[in-house]
Protein backbone atom coordinates (compact mmCIF):
# COMPACT_ATOMS: atom_id res chain seq x y z
CA UNK A 1 154.02 -179.28 228.12
CA UNK A 2 151.00 -180.89 229.77
CA UNK A 3 149.75 -177.44 230.90
CA UNK A 4 149.95 -176.19 227.34
CA UNK A 5 148.42 -179.32 225.78
CA UNK A 6 145.39 -179.18 228.03
CA UNK A 7 144.75 -175.61 227.01
CA UNK A 8 145.12 -176.43 223.31
CA UNK A 9 142.82 -179.48 223.74
CA UNK A 10 140.13 -177.17 225.14
CA UNK A 11 140.54 -174.78 222.22
CA UNK A 12 140.26 -177.70 219.80
CA UNK A 13 137.19 -179.17 221.54
CA UNK A 14 135.50 -175.74 221.30
CA UNK A 15 136.22 -175.53 217.56
CA UNK A 16 138.32 -172.38 217.95
CA UNK A 17 140.20 -171.14 214.88
CA UNK A 18 143.65 -170.38 216.18
CA UNK A 19 147.40 -170.65 215.29
CA UNK A 20 150.23 -171.03 217.83
CA UNK A 21 152.85 -168.32 217.40
CA UNK A 22 155.71 -167.11 219.67
CA UNK A 23 158.10 -169.19 221.70
CA UNK A 24 156.07 -172.40 221.77
CA UNK A 25 155.88 -172.26 217.96
CA UNK A 26 159.69 -171.79 217.81
CA UNK A 27 160.05 -174.85 220.00
CA UNK A 28 157.71 -176.99 217.93
CA UNK A 29 159.69 -175.89 214.88
CA UNK A 30 162.79 -177.48 216.41
CA UNK A 31 164.66 -174.83 218.44
CA UNK A 32 164.78 -175.80 222.11
CA UNK A 33 164.43 -172.80 224.39
CA UNK A 34 162.41 -171.93 227.44
CA UNK A 35 159.24 -169.91 227.35
CA UNK A 36 156.73 -168.97 230.03
CA UNK A 37 153.59 -168.31 228.02
CA UNK A 38 151.73 -169.53 225.02
CA UNK A 39 151.04 -167.03 222.22
CA UNK A 40 147.92 -167.55 220.12
CA UNK A 41 146.67 -165.75 217.08
CA UNK A 42 142.91 -166.06 216.73
CA UNK A 43 140.46 -165.50 213.96
CA UNK A 44 139.30 -162.24 215.49
CA UNK A 45 135.54 -162.76 214.74
CA UNK A 46 133.27 -162.24 217.79
CA UNK A 47 132.00 -165.84 217.80
CA UNK A 48 135.50 -167.29 217.55
CA UNK A 49 136.84 -165.10 220.33
CA UNK A 50 133.80 -165.95 222.55
CA UNK A 51 134.49 -169.63 221.96
CA UNK A 52 138.18 -169.12 222.80
CA UNK A 53 137.61 -167.24 226.05
CA UNK A 54 134.90 -169.69 227.04
CA UNK A 55 137.24 -172.65 226.43
CA UNK A 56 140.13 -170.92 228.26
CA UNK A 57 137.93 -169.98 231.12
CA UNK A 58 136.85 -173.61 231.50
CA UNK A 59 140.54 -174.56 232.00
CA UNK A 60 140.92 -171.98 234.83
CA UNK A 61 142.39 -169.09 232.88
CA UNK A 62 141.25 -165.53 233.70
CA UNK A 63 142.14 -162.15 232.22
CA UNK A 64 145.15 -160.46 233.75
CA UNK A 65 143.44 -157.17 233.28
CA UNK A 66 140.48 -156.34 235.47
CA UNK A 67 137.96 -156.80 232.71
CA UNK A 68 135.64 -159.55 231.57
CA UNK A 69 137.23 -161.94 229.11
CA UNK A 70 134.28 -161.45 226.82
CA UNK A 71 135.24 -157.74 226.44
CA UNK A 72 138.14 -158.85 224.16
CA UNK A 73 135.48 -160.18 221.67
CA UNK A 74 134.02 -156.68 221.14
CA UNK A 75 135.73 -155.21 218.06
CA UNK A 76 135.35 -151.59 219.22
CA UNK A 77 136.67 -152.33 222.70
CA UNK A 78 139.61 -154.32 221.32
CA UNK A 79 140.43 -151.58 218.82
CA UNK A 80 140.39 -148.86 221.49
CA UNK A 81 142.71 -151.02 223.71
CA UNK A 82 145.10 -151.37 220.78
CA UNK A 83 144.96 -147.77 219.71
CA UNK A 84 144.73 -145.98 223.02
CA UNK A 85 146.42 -148.37 225.45
CA UNK A 86 148.85 -149.98 222.96
CA UNK A 87 147.59 -153.45 223.84
CA UNK A 88 149.56 -156.08 221.96
CA UNK A 89 148.13 -159.17 223.57
CA UNK A 90 145.24 -159.98 225.87
CA UNK A 91 146.80 -162.09 228.61
CA UNK A 92 144.96 -164.79 230.41
CA UNK A 93 146.52 -166.35 233.54
CA UNK A 94 145.75 -169.18 235.97
CA UNK A 95 145.41 -167.56 239.43
CA UNK A 96 146.32 -170.94 240.95
CA UNK A 97 149.42 -171.66 238.73
CA UNK A 98 151.74 -168.82 237.73
CA UNK A 99 153.25 -171.18 235.13
CA UNK A 100 150.01 -171.05 233.03
CA UNK A 101 149.85 -167.91 230.98
CA UNK A 102 148.40 -167.41 227.48
CA UNK A 103 148.57 -164.33 225.31
CA UNK A 104 145.90 -163.76 222.59
CA UNK A 105 147.28 -161.40 219.93
CA UNK A 106 145.10 -158.30 219.72
CA UNK A 107 146.15 -157.16 216.26
CA UNK A 108 148.75 -159.43 214.63
CA UNK A 109 150.92 -157.91 211.95
CA UNK A 110 150.21 -161.00 209.78
CA UNK A 111 146.48 -161.36 209.07
CA UNK A 112 144.91 -164.45 210.56
CA UNK A 113 143.73 -165.75 207.17
CA UNK A 114 147.41 -165.88 206.07
CA UNK A 115 148.59 -167.45 209.35
CA UNK A 116 145.95 -170.15 209.17
CA UNK A 117 146.49 -170.85 205.44
CA UNK A 118 150.24 -171.34 205.81
CA UNK A 119 150.28 -173.02 209.22
CA UNK A 120 151.50 -176.57 209.67
CA UNK A 121 149.76 -178.93 212.05
CA UNK A 122 151.94 -180.74 214.49
CA UNK A 123 150.51 -183.55 216.50
CA UNK A 124 151.87 -183.43 220.09
CA UNK A 125 150.80 -186.33 222.27
CA UNK A 126 147.71 -186.80 220.15
CA UNK A 127 146.79 -183.13 220.16
CA UNK A 128 146.74 -181.41 216.75
CA UNK A 129 148.47 -178.04 217.04
CA UNK A 130 148.33 -175.49 214.20
CA UNK A 131 151.73 -173.71 214.20
CA UNK A 132 152.64 -170.57 212.22
CA UNK A 133 154.93 -171.05 209.23
CA UNK A 134 158.59 -170.10 209.67
CA UNK A 135 158.17 -167.16 207.35
CA UNK A 136 155.26 -165.84 209.37
CA UNK A 137 156.98 -166.48 212.72
CA UNK A 138 159.98 -164.46 211.46
CA UNK A 139 157.69 -161.61 210.34
CA UNK A 140 155.95 -161.61 213.76
CA UNK A 141 159.22 -161.66 215.57
CA UNK A 142 160.73 -158.88 213.44
CA UNK A 143 157.73 -156.75 214.34
CA UNK A 144 158.15 -157.48 218.05
CA UNK A 145 161.91 -156.82 217.91
CA UNK A 146 162.86 -157.79 221.39
CA UNK A 147 166.23 -159.46 222.01
CA UNK A 148 164.59 -162.91 222.46
CA UNK A 149 162.67 -162.37 219.24
CA UNK A 150 165.91 -161.57 217.39
CA UNK A 151 167.55 -164.68 218.77
CA UNK A 152 164.48 -166.69 217.69
CA UNK A 153 164.77 -165.28 214.17
CA UNK A 154 168.38 -166.32 213.95
CA UNK A 155 167.51 -169.86 215.14
CA UNK A 156 164.55 -170.15 212.73
CA UNK A 157 166.69 -169.02 209.87
CA UNK A 158 169.37 -171.59 210.80
CA UNK A 159 166.70 -174.32 211.01
CA UNK A 160 165.35 -173.29 207.65
CA UNK A 161 168.78 -173.26 206.09
CA UNK A 162 169.53 -176.73 207.54
CA UNK A 163 166.33 -178.13 206.04
CA UNK A 164 167.16 -176.61 202.64
CA UNK A 165 170.45 -178.53 202.72
CA UNK A 166 168.67 -181.86 203.28
């Protein structure tokens, strides 16, 4: 978790508007499972993306693709990657630590404004972490549709049902 928290601290310090989605969000919501990467939804404004990739670069993360991280901030470039290359996430990795990987969603099915509005902030070891709501996590995972996503949906629904019983 230290690898993840250091990255999130850097995003917070840079004033980046983001919400944690994916496996880490599922874990923070109470379902223990393993995950390799951190999935982040960003406010996809140019300035916010530039702040994000700058902060991530300062922690040693580099694009997996052979492109400049700042290319992701260009709306036309990003749109062409999504439409022509079916890019789902812009992955940044740590060349010195294969356990550090972060995915920036390129075109999330739930608009960022909704993700941010409904996110809950969890404080983990003093780091405030905005986490997507259960409803939005389920929607994102339904859209992805992989077997792990379907298992996460089941776990999230069980957690939600358990809390409704309290």
